[in-house]
Amino acid sequence: MEIWHAADGRRRIEVLEAPSAALSGLTLVEDGTTGWLYDLRQARLETGPVGQVSIPLASDALNAIDWLLSGIDDARVKVAGHDALESGPAARLKILLSGGDQAVLWVHDETGLPARLELQSAVWGEASFTTRSIAAPEPLSPQLFVVP
């Protein structure tokens, strides 16, 4: 998937490849309060509040990262190394949350964005997400946040 975030809460997610054909071709556009899910294969548009309209797996991955980062203030974080990932060099952090959940988070050196996450959690189970490439295009085109 490709993801664009604007500082004002707008977001766009496009699924380029997926383990299921049903996920390929999905685009989610959010303006901060409303979400639009467009299915290119079926030329179908679904609208609803942000969080109610989502892309399976893609939205779950982003929600898991948000959940982890929201609990980081009470966590023990240890720099555990530095690795070369497909997206570029990244610092590896071991995170132990107060409830016993744990994660390894790689932070992309150039952008400071999450590049990989391995999570073991009572809430999320075991999950692993990897970013192939990270770039911070400036400025973001307003057309990215228009429903296709």
Protein backbone atom coordinates (compact mmCIF):
# COMPACT_ATOMS: atom_id res chain seq x y z
CA MET A 1 0.00 0.00 0.00
CA GLU A 2 0.95 3.61 -0.36
CA ILE A 3 0.04 6.04 2.38
CA TRP A 4 -0.01 9.83 2.48
CA HIS A 5 -0.66 11.79 5.69
CA ALA A 6 -1.24 15.53 5.86
CA ALA A 7 -0.51 17.49 9.04
CA ASP A 8 -4.19 18.48 9.30
CA GLY A 9 -5.41 14.87 9.65
CA ARG A 10 -6.15 14.05 6.01
CA ARG A 11 -4.97 10.64 4.84
CA ARG A 12 -4.98 8.53 1.69
CA ILE A 13 -4.24 4.80 1.48
CA GLU A 14 -4.02 2.92 -1.81
CA VAL A 15 -3.65 -0.86 -1.88
CA LEU A 16 -1.27 -1.75 -4.70
CA GLU A 17 -0.60 -5.41 -3.83
CA ALA A 18 -2.48 -7.67 -1.46
CA PRO A 19 -2.62 -11.31 -0.37
CA SER A 20 -6.28 -11.30 -1.43
CA ALA A 21 -7.69 -10.07 -4.75
CA ALA A 22 -10.57 -8.48 -2.79
CA LEU A 23 -8.12 -5.96 -1.25
CA SER A 24 -6.33 -4.97 -4.47
CA GLY A 25 -7.50 -1.70 -5.95
CA LEU A 26 -8.96 -0.28 -2.74
CA THR A 27 -8.41 3.42 -1.99
CA LEU A 28 -9.32 5.08 1.31
CA VAL A 29 -9.44 8.88 1.53
CA GLU A 30 -10.04 10.61 4.89
CA ASP A 31 -10.51 14.32 5.55
CA GLY A 32 -10.21 14.01 9.34
CA THR A 33 -13.89 13.29 10.01
CA THR A 34 -15.25 11.45 6.95
CA GLY A 35 -13.81 8.49 5.08
CA TRP A 36 -14.45 7.38 1.52
CA LEU A 37 -13.55 3.83 0.48
CA TYR A 38 -13.37 3.35 -3.27
CA ASP A 39 -13.20 -0.12 -4.81
CA LEU A 40 -11.68 0.27 -8.27
CA ARG A 41 -12.56 -3.30 -9.33
CA GLN A 42 -16.27 -2.88 -8.58
CA ALA A 43 -16.51 0.91 -9.14
CA ARG A 44 -18.14 1.16 -5.69
CA LEU A 45 -17.88 4.00 -3.17
CA GLU A 46 -18.61 3.66 0.57
CA THR A 47 -18.78 6.70 2.87
CA GLY A 48 -18.79 6.95 6.66
CA PRO A 49 -17.04 8.37 9.70
CA VAL A 50 -13.26 7.94 9.95
CA GLY A 51 -12.59 4.60 11.61
CA GLN A 52 -15.88 3.11 10.45
CA VAL A 53 -14.80 3.03 6.80
CA SER A 54 -11.52 1.17 6.51
CA ILE A 55 -9.36 -1.18 4.47
CA PRO A 56 -8.89 -4.56 6.18
CA LEU A 57 -5.25 -5.27 7.12
CA ALA A 58 -4.03 -1.82 6.00
CA SER A 59 -6.13 0.11 8.51
CA ASP A 60 -5.40 -2.55 11.15
CA ALA A 61 -1.64 -2.08 10.67
CA LEU A 62 -1.91 1.69 11.09
CA ASN A 63 -4.20 1.32 14.11
CA ALA A 64 -1.73 -1.08 15.74
CA ILE A 65 1.10 1.43 15.28
CA ASP A 66 -1.09 4.26 16.66
CA TRP A 67 -2.02 2.05 19.64
CA LEU A 68 1.63 1.25 20.35
CA LEU A 69 2.72 4.88 20.11
CA SER A 70 -0.16 6.05 22.33
CA GLY A 71 1.19 3.86 25.17
CA ILE A 72 4.84 4.70 24.70
CA ASP A 73 4.95 7.28 27.54
CA ASP A 74 4.61 4.50 30.14
CA ALA A 75 6.84 2.05 28.28
CA ARG A 76 10.43 1.02 28.72
CA VAL A 77 12.25 1.76 25.48
CA LYS A 78 15.76 0.56 24.75
CA VAL A 79 17.83 1.21 21.66
CA ALA A 80 18.71 -2.31 20.54
CA GLY A 81 20.72 -1.66 17.42
CA HIS A 82 20.75 -0.26 13.95
CA ASP A 83 19.80 -2.15 10.81
CA ALA A 84 19.70 -1.69 7.04
CA LEU A 85 16.10 -2.30 5.95
CA GLU A 86 14.67 -2.24 2.44
CA SER A 87 13.40 1.29 3.17
CA GLY A 88 16.86 2.41 4.36
CA PRO A 89 18.87 2.58 7.58
CA ALA A 90 16.80 2.42 10.77
CA ALA A 91 17.28 2.41 14.52
CA ARG A 92 15.88 -0.70 16.24
CA LEU A 93 14.00 -0.03 19.48
CA LYS A 94 12.80 -2.69 21.95
CA ILE A 95 9.62 -1.56 23.66
CA LEU A 96 8.03 -3.09 26.75
CA LEU A 97 4.63 -1.61 27.51
CA SER A 98 3.32 -1.36 31.07
CA GLY A 99 0.71 -4.10 30.46
CA GLY A 100 3.37 -6.61 29.39
CA ASP A 101 2.91 -6.20 25.64
CA GLN A 102 6.14 -5.84 23.73
CA ALA A 103 7.33 -4.70 20.36
CA VAL A 104 10.38 -4.08 18.27
CA LEU A 105 10.06 -0.85 16.28
CA TRP A 106 12.49 0.27 13.60
CA VAL A 107 12.56 4.03 13.06
CA HIS A 108 13.70 5.23 9.63
CA ASP A 109 16.84 7.37 10.06
CA GLU A 110 16.02 9.98 7.43
CA THR A 111 12.32 10.60 8.13
CA GLY A 112 11.81 9.43 11.73
CA LEU A 113 8.82 7.37 10.57
CA PRO A 114 8.10 3.73 11.55
CA ALA A 115 9.85 1.45 9.05
CA ARG A 116 9.05 -1.96 10.59
CA LEU A 117 7.10 -3.23 13.56
CA GLU A 118 7.03 -6.63 15.25
CA LEU A 119 4.34 -6.71 17.91
CA GLN A 120 3.38 -9.24 20.59
CA SER A 121 0.24 -8.03 22.31
CA ALA A 122 -2.80 -9.30 24.15
CA VAL A 123 -4.84 -6.74 22.16
CA TRP A 124 -3.36 -7.27 18.68
CA GLY A 125 -1.81 -10.74 18.93
CA GLU A 126 1.41 -11.25 17.00
CA ALA A 127 1.86 -8.97 14.03
CA SER A 128 4.63 -7.78 11.78
CA PHE A 129 4.55 -4.86 9.34
CA THR A 130 7.36 -3.73 7.05
CA THR A 131 7.71 -0.61 4.92
CA ARG A 132 9.49 -1.10 1.60
CA SER A 133 10.18 2.58 0.98
CA ILE A 134 9.62 5.85 2.81
CA ALA A 135 9.65 9.34 1.36
CA ALA A 136 8.31 12.62 2.60
CA PRO A 137 7.10 14.46 -0.52
CA GLU A 138 6.64 18.18 0.03
CA PRO A 139 4.25 19.70 -0.57
CA LEU A 140 1.45 17.12 -0.73
CA SER A 141 -0.91 17.71 -3.64
CA PRO A 142 -4.48 18.55 -2.52
CA GLN A 143 -5.64 16.08 -5.23
CA LEU A 144 -4.36 13.19 -3.08
CA PHE A 145 -7.24 13.84 -0.69
CA VAL A 146 -9.99 13.97 -3.29
CA VAL A 147 -12.17 10.89 -3.73
CA PRO A 148 -11.33 9.10 -7.00
